[in-house]
Amino acid sequence: MPVDRQKVRTIHLVPVQKIERDLLIYLSRQIEKTFSFPVKIESALPNPDSAYNKSRNQYRSDLILVELQKPRLAGTEKILGLVDLDLYTSRLNFVFGQASMGGRVALVALPRLRQEFYGLPKDQELYYSRVVKEAVHELGHTFGMGHCKRKECVMHFSNSLADADYKRKGLCEDCMDNLKRNDEERYGMFLS
């Protein structure tokens, strides 16, 4: 069935502070391949000082999610924030990312996805792969997808980097079918 281009959403990629342009371009292309919607790289948001917890030297991810929902992108379908800040939530010591289930916004934190964070040599290919997996995972939540039981599926919960590294960059067949079904019910169209 042909896609009605007037109903096509745009996924907005929003850097928080400065994020390397090559990563933003690479990530936008990978997200477009997975979700079949255009990705627009937006201008950067300023440092979210109000989300900083001095005693932990970390930022609260839920407060940054609130900032991403503010009116400057009102009416947009999906927003993915990318931050080069160490994040946590009230329930966890750290998070690789967070999203509002079935909502508009998702967030991915970059520091713990780098080998250098753990005192290991830089590995750009592994780093980019991890960023893509976490971005697709968090955006999957915004499309109403829960965690998958299949360890190789990108929608499987990552409790560690080993879990994230084991996953593929894409959705398993069941999750892709679920995404297509959800999209058809909500928008009267299929993702390709």
C-alpha atoms as a PDB file:
ATOM      1  CA  MET A   1       0.000   0.000   0.000  1.00  0.00           C
ATOM      2  CA  PRO A   2       1.506   3.383  -0.899  1.00  0.00           C
ATOM      3  CA  VAL A   3       2.265   5.712   1.978  1.00  0.00           C
ATOM      4  CA  ASP A   4       0.268   8.928   2.140  1.00  0.00           C
ATOM      5  CA  ARG A   5       3.139  11.442   2.328  1.00  0.00           C
ATOM      6  CA  GLN A   6       0.881  13.955   4.110  1.00  0.00           C
ATOM      7  CA  LYS A   7       0.581  11.557   7.044  1.00  0.00           C
ATOM      8  CA  VAL A   8       4.307  10.798   7.240  1.00  0.00           C
ATOM      9  CA  ARG A   9       5.876  11.936  10.455  1.00  0.00           C
ATOM     10  CA  THR A  10       9.328  13.314  10.978  1.00  0.00           C
ATOM     11  CA  ILE A  11      11.564  12.106  13.747  1.00  0.00           C
ATOM     12  CA  HIS A  12      13.423  15.115  15.140  1.00  0.00           C
ATOM     13  CA  LEU A  13      16.964  14.460  16.360  1.00  0.00           C
ATOM     14  CA  VAL A  14      17.795  17.075  18.981  1.00  0.00           C
ATOM     15  CA  PRO A  15      21.334  17.377  20.319  1.00  0.00           C
ATOM     16  CA  VAL A  16      21.625  18.707  23.844  1.00  0.00           C
ATOM     17  CA  GLN A  17      24.747  20.869  23.773  1.00  0.00           C
ATOM     18  CA  LYS A  18      27.278  20.104  21.055  1.00  0.00           C
ATOM     19  CA  ILE A  19      27.256  16.615  19.531  1.00  0.00           C
ATOM     20  CA  GLU A  20      29.620  15.670  16.716  1.00  0.00           C
ATOM     21  CA  ARG A  21      27.983  16.235  13.340  1.00  0.00           C
ATOM     22  CA  ASP A  22      29.233  12.935  11.841  1.00  0.00           C
ATOM     23  CA  LEU A  23      27.448  10.992  14.582  1.00  0.00           C
ATOM     24  CA  LEU A  24      24.217  12.948  14.066  1.00  0.00           C
ATOM     25  CA  ILE A  25      24.262  12.269  10.314  1.00  0.00           C
ATOM     26  CA  TYR A  26      25.108   8.577  10.756  1.00  0.00           C
ATOM     27  CA  LEU A  27      22.413   8.144  13.399  1.00  0.00           C
ATOM     28  CA  SER A  28      19.765   9.937  11.344  1.00  0.00           C
ATOM     29  CA  ARG A  29      20.403   7.583   8.395  1.00  0.00           C
ATOM     30  CA  GLN A  30      20.195   4.487  10.579  1.00  0.00           C
ATOM     31  CA  ILE A  31      16.941   5.654  12.201  1.00  0.00           C
ATOM     32  CA  GLU A  32      15.440   6.344   8.761  1.00  0.00           C
ATOM     33  CA  LYS A  33      16.329   2.784   7.680  1.00  0.00           C
ATOM     34  CA  THR A  34      14.599   1.284  10.706  1.00  0.00           C
ATOM     35  CA  PHE A  35      11.466   3.417  10.946  1.00  0.00           C
ATOM     36  CA  SER A  36      11.104   4.560   7.308  1.00  0.00           C
ATOM     37  CA  PHE A  37      10.375   8.148   8.287  1.00  0.00           C
ATOM     38  CA  PRO A  38      12.530  11.175   7.600  1.00  0.00           C
ATOM     39  CA  VAL A  39      14.826  12.367  10.360  1.00  0.00           C
ATOM     40  CA  LYS A  40      15.527  16.066  10.777  1.00  0.00           C
ATOM     41  CA  ILE A  41      18.542  17.196  12.762  1.00  0.00           C
ATOM     42  CA  GLU A  42      17.505  20.178  14.870  1.00  0.00           C
ATOM     43  CA  SER A  43      19.609  22.893  16.469  1.00  0.00           C
ATOM     44  CA  ALA A  44      21.107  22.084  19.847  1.00  0.00           C
ATOM     45  CA  LEU A  45      19.436  22.757  23.164  1.00  0.00           C
ATOM     46  CA  PRO A  46      21.526  24.444  25.878  1.00  0.00           C
ATOM     47  CA  ASN A  47      22.979  22.597  28.844  1.00  0.00           C
ATOM     48  CA  PRO A  48      20.117  21.404  31.093  1.00  0.00           C
ATOM     49  CA  ASP A  49      21.491  22.936  34.304  1.00  0.00           C
ATOM     50  CA  SER A  50      18.223  22.360  36.183  1.00  0.00           C
ATOM     51  CA  ALA A  51      18.617  18.575  35.691  1.00  0.00           C
ATOM     52  CA  TYR A  52      22.093  18.454  37.263  1.00  0.00           C
ATOM     53  CA  ASN A  53      22.551  16.704  40.622  1.00  0.00           C
ATOM     54  CA  LYS A  54      25.821  17.963  42.103  1.00  0.00           C
ATOM     55  CA  SER A  55      26.110  15.209  44.727  1.00  0.00           C
ATOM     56  CA  ARG A  56      25.935  12.516  42.018  1.00  0.00           C
ATOM     57  CA  ASN A  57      27.709  14.471  39.259  1.00  0.00           C
ATOM     58  CA  GLN A  58      24.933  13.260  36.940  1.00  0.00           C
ATOM     59  CA  TYR A  59      21.830  14.629  35.218  1.00  0.00           C
ATOM     60  CA  ARG A  60      18.244  13.433  35.758  1.00  0.00           C
ATOM     61  CA  SER A  61      17.006  12.027  32.484  1.00  0.00           C
ATOM     62  CA  ASP A  62      13.315  12.592  33.218  1.00  0.00           C
ATOM     63  CA  LEU A  63      13.902  16.333  33.639  1.00  0.00           C
ATOM     64  CA  ILE A  64      15.659  16.485  30.263  1.00  0.00           C
ATOM     65  CA  LEU A  65      12.730  14.611  28.674  1.00  0.00           C
ATOM     66  CA  VAL A  66      10.456  17.383  29.970  1.00  0.00           C
ATOM     67  CA  GLU A  67      12.704  20.011  28.338  1.00  0.00           C
ATOM     68  CA  LEU A  68      12.511  18.154  25.016  1.00  0.00           C
ATOM     69  CA  GLN A  69       8.695  18.422  25.059  1.00  0.00           C
ATOM     70  CA  LYS A  70       8.660  22.209  25.335  1.00  0.00           C
ATOM     71  CA  PRO A  71       6.909  24.260  22.644  1.00  0.00           C
ATOM     72  CA  ARG A  72       9.772  24.832  20.207  1.00  0.00           C
ATOM     73  CA  LEU A  73       8.908  21.493  18.559  1.00  0.00           C
ATOM     74  CA  ALA A  74       5.221  21.473  19.474  1.00  0.00           C
ATOM     75  CA  GLY A  75       3.126  19.221  17.311  1.00  0.00           C
ATOM     76  CA  THR A  76       6.001  17.050  16.120  1.00  0.00           C
ATOM     77  CA  GLU A  77       5.454  13.332  16.255  1.00  0.00           C
ATOM     78  CA  LYS A  78       8.724  11.985  17.694  1.00  0.00           C
ATOM     79  CA  ILE A  79      11.721  13.688  19.278  1.00  0.00           C
ATOM     80  CA  LEU A  80      14.992  11.940  20.104  1.00  0.00           C
ATOM     81  CA  GLY A  81      17.374  13.868  22.318  1.00  0.00           C
ATOM     82  CA  LEU A  82      21.058  13.009  22.272  1.00  0.00           C
ATOM     83  CA  VAL A  83      23.145  14.086  25.260  1.00  0.00           C
ATOM     84  CA  ASP A  84      26.817  13.793  26.059  1.00  0.00           C
ATOM     85  CA  LEU A  85      26.006  13.749  29.767  1.00  0.00           C
ATOM     86  CA  ASP A  86      25.902  10.937  32.313  1.00  0.00           C
ATOM     87  CA  LEU A  87      22.217  10.310  33.142  1.00  0.00           C
ATOM     88  CA  TYR A  88      20.277   8.615  35.935  1.00  0.00           C
ATOM     89  CA  THR A  89      16.700   8.242  37.099  1.00  0.00           C
ATOM     90  CA  SER A  90      15.343   7.998  40.603  1.00  0.00           C
ATOM     91  CA  ARG A  91      15.195   4.205  40.265  1.00  0.00           C
ATOM     92  CA  LEU A  92      18.564   3.502  38.629  1.00  0.00           C
ATOM     93  CA  ASN A  93      22.217   4.462  39.150  1.00  0.00           C
ATOM     94  CA  PHE A  94      22.544   5.284  35.445  1.00  0.00           C
ATOM     95  CA  VAL A  95      20.643   4.928  32.188  1.00  0.00           C
ATOM     96  CA  PHE A  96      21.773   4.537  28.591  1.00  0.00           C
ATOM     97  CA  GLY A  97      18.498   6.173  27.604  1.00  0.00           C
ATOM     98  CA  GLN A  98      14.882   6.780  28.522  1.00  0.00           C
ATOM     99  CA  ALA A  99      11.599   7.318  26.685  1.00  0.00           C
ATOM    100  CA  SER A 100       7.966   8.042  27.316  1.00  0.00           C
ATOM    101  CA  MET A 101       6.099   4.830  26.420  1.00  0.00           C
ATOM    102  CA  GLY A 102       3.825   5.574  23.494  1.00  0.00           C
ATOM    103  CA  GLY A 103       4.702   9.258  23.807  1.00  0.00           C
ATOM    104  CA  ARG A 104       6.687  11.771  21.779  1.00  0.00           C
ATOM    105  CA  VAL A 105      10.108  11.956  23.397  1.00  0.00           C
ATOM    106  CA  ALA A 106      13.121   9.733  23.912  1.00  0.00           C
ATOM    107  CA  LEU A 107      16.648  10.393  25.087  1.00  0.00           C
ATOM    108  CA  VAL A 108      20.021   8.651  24.663  1.00  0.00           C
ATOM    109  CA  ALA A 109      23.086   9.329  26.825  1.00  0.00           C
ATOM    110  CA  LEU A 110      26.457   8.947  25.087  1.00  0.00           C
ATOM    111  CA  PRO A 111      29.167   8.752  27.795  1.00  0.00           C
ATOM    112  CA  ARG A 112      28.660   5.147  28.955  1.00  0.00           C
ATOM    113  CA  LEU A 113      28.407   3.935  25.348  1.00  0.00           C
ATOM    114  CA  ARG A 114      32.075   4.842  24.739  1.00  0.00           C
ATOM    115  CA  GLN A 115      34.880   2.411  25.499  1.00  0.00           C
ATOM    116  CA  GLU A 116      36.940   5.300  26.908  1.00  0.00           C
ATOM    117  CA  PHE A 117      34.411   5.738  29.754  1.00  0.00           C
ATOM    118  CA  TYR A 118      35.703   2.417  31.121  1.00  0.00           C
ATOM    119  CA  GLY A 119      39.407   3.158  30.531  1.00  0.00           C
ATOM    120  CA  LEU A 120      39.502   1.111  27.302  1.00  0.00           C
ATOM    121  CA  PRO A 121      40.878   2.166  23.898  1.00  0.00           C
ATOM    122  CA  LYS A 122      38.582   4.149  21.626  1.00  0.00           C
ATOM    123  CA  ASP A 123      36.489   2.063  19.205  1.00  0.00           C
ATOM    124  CA  GLN A 124      34.450   4.360  16.941  1.00  0.00           C
ATOM    125  CA  GLU A 125      32.623   1.540  15.131  1.00  0.00           C
ATOM    126  CA  LEU A 126      31.487  -0.081  18.398  1.00  0.00           C
ATOM    127  CA  TYR A 127      30.484   3.306  19.808  1.00  0.00           C
ATOM    128  CA  TYR A 128      28.346   4.199  16.769  1.00  0.00           C
ATOM    129  CA  SER A 129      26.743   0.748  16.852  1.00  0.00           C
ATOM    130  CA  ARG A 130      25.799   1.199  20.512  1.00  0.00           C
ATOM    131  CA  VAL A 131      24.342   4.655  19.871  1.00  0.00           C
ATOM    132  CA  VAL A 132      22.172   3.313  17.039  1.00  0.00           C
ATOM    133  CA  LYS A 133      20.923   0.406  19.152  1.00  0.00           C
ATOM    134  CA  GLU A 134      19.991   2.630  22.069  1.00  0.00           C
ATOM    135  CA  ALA A 135      18.350   5.220  19.799  1.00  0.00           C
ATOM    136  CA  VAL A 136      16.231   2.607  18.005  1.00  0.00           C
ATOM    137  CA  HIS A 137      15.364   1.003  21.349  1.00  0.00           C
ATOM    138  CA  GLU A 138      14.193   4.255  22.933  1.00  0.00           C
ATOM    139  CA  LEU A 139      12.299   5.352  19.813  1.00  0.00           C
ATOM    140  CA  GLY A 140      10.671   1.903  19.789  1.00  0.00           C
ATOM    141  CA  HIS A 141       9.213   2.730  23.202  1.00  0.00           C
ATOM    142  CA  THR A 142       7.732   5.953  21.826  1.00  0.00           C
ATOM    143  CA  PHE A 143       5.998   3.812  19.184  1.00  0.00           C
ATOM    144  CA  GLY A 144       4.418   1.775  22.012  1.00  0.00           C
ATOM    145  CA  MET A 145       6.822  -1.162  22.001  1.00  0.00           C
ATOM    146  CA  GLY A 146       7.781  -2.818  25.283  1.00  0.00           C
ATOM    147  CA  HIS A 147      10.848  -4.907  26.021  1.00  0.00           C
ATOM    148  CA  CYS A 148      11.313  -8.013  23.894  1.00  0.00           C
ATOM    149  CA  LYS A 149      12.205 -11.412  25.364  1.00  0.00           C
ATOM    150  CA  ARG A 150      14.608 -12.152  22.503  1.00  0.00           C
ATOM    151  CA  LYS A 151      18.115 -11.185  23.631  1.00  0.00           C
ATOM    152  CA  GLU A 152      19.239 -10.387  20.076  1.00  0.00           C
ATOM    153  CA  CYS A 153      16.373  -7.941  19.442  1.00  0.00           C
ATOM    154  CA  VAL A 154      17.153  -4.252  19.822  1.00  0.00           C
ATOM    155  CA  MET A 155      14.036  -3.960  22.039  1.00  0.00           C
ATOM    156  CA  HIS A 156      15.518  -6.316  24.656  1.00  0.00           C
ATOM    157  CA  PHE A 157      16.369  -4.504  27.915  1.00  0.00           C
ATOM    158  CA  SER A 158      20.081  -3.664  28.271  1.00  0.00           C
ATOM    159  CA  ASN A 159      21.216  -3.941  31.865  1.00  0.00           C
ATOM    160  CA  SER A 160      24.856  -3.716  30.773  1.00  0.00           C
ATOM    161  CA  LEU A 161      26.984  -2.919  27.749  1.00  0.00           C
ATOM    162  CA  ALA A 162      27.411  -6.656  27.178  1.00  0.00           C
ATOM    163  CA  ASP A 163      23.622  -6.858  26.724  1.00  0.00           C
ATOM    164  CA  ALA A 164      23.675  -3.913  24.326  1.00  0.00           C
ATOM    165  CA  ASP A 165      26.582  -5.344  22.345  1.00  0.00           C
ATOM    166  CA  TYR A 166      24.831  -8.703  21.958  1.00  0.00           C
ATOM    167  CA  LYS A 167      21.754  -7.112  20.357  1.00  0.00           C
ATOM    168  CA  ARG A 168      21.354  -6.480  16.653  1.00  0.00           C
ATOM    169  CA  LYS A 169      20.708  -2.923  15.446  1.00  0.00           C
ATOM    170  CA  GLY A 170      17.243  -3.843  14.253  1.00  0.00           C
ATOM    171  CA  LEU A 171      13.935  -5.194  15.438  1.00  0.00           C
ATOM    172  CA  CYS A 172      13.212  -8.907  15.494  1.00  0.00           C
ATOM    173  CA  GLU A 173      10.444 -10.149  13.200  1.00  0.00           C
ATOM    174  CA  ASP A 174       7.836 -10.126  15.992  1.00  0.00           C
ATOM    175  CA  CYS A 175       8.682  -6.571  17.051  1.00  0.00           C
ATOM    176  CA  MET A 176       8.674  -5.362  13.433  1.00  0.00           C
ATOM    177  CA  ASP A 177       5.228  -6.929  12.957  1.00  0.00           C
ATOM    178  CA  ASN A 178       4.076  -5.269  16.186  1.00  0.00           C
ATOM    179  CA  LEU A 179       5.419  -1.902  15.014  1.00  0.00           C
ATOM    180  CA  LYS A 180       3.671  -2.225  11.649  1.00  0.00           C
ATOM    181  CA  ARG A 181       0.416  -3.269  13.321  1.00  0.00           C
ATOM    182  CA  ASN A 182       0.574  -0.350  15.796  1.00  0.00           C
ATOM    183  CA  ASP A 183       1.320   2.060  12.980  1.00  0.00           C
ATOM    184  CA  GLU A 184      -1.502   0.816  10.804  1.00  0.00           C
ATOM    185  CA  GLU A 185      -3.953   1.125  13.716  1.00  0.00           C
ATOM    186  CA  ARG A 186      -2.783   4.662  14.593  1.00  0.00           C
ATOM    187  CA  TYR A 187      -2.109   6.111  11.175  1.00  0.00           C
ATOM    188  CA  GLY A 188      -3.752   3.873   8.601  1.00  0.00           C
ATOM    189  CA  MET A 189      -0.436   3.000   6.971  1.00  0.00           C
ATOM    190  CA  PHE A 190       2.393   0.499   7.162  1.00  0.00           C
ATOM    191  CA  LEU A 191       6.055   1.117   7.723  1.00  0.00           C
ATOM    192  CA  SER A 192       8.185  -0.485   5.035  1.00  0.00           C
END
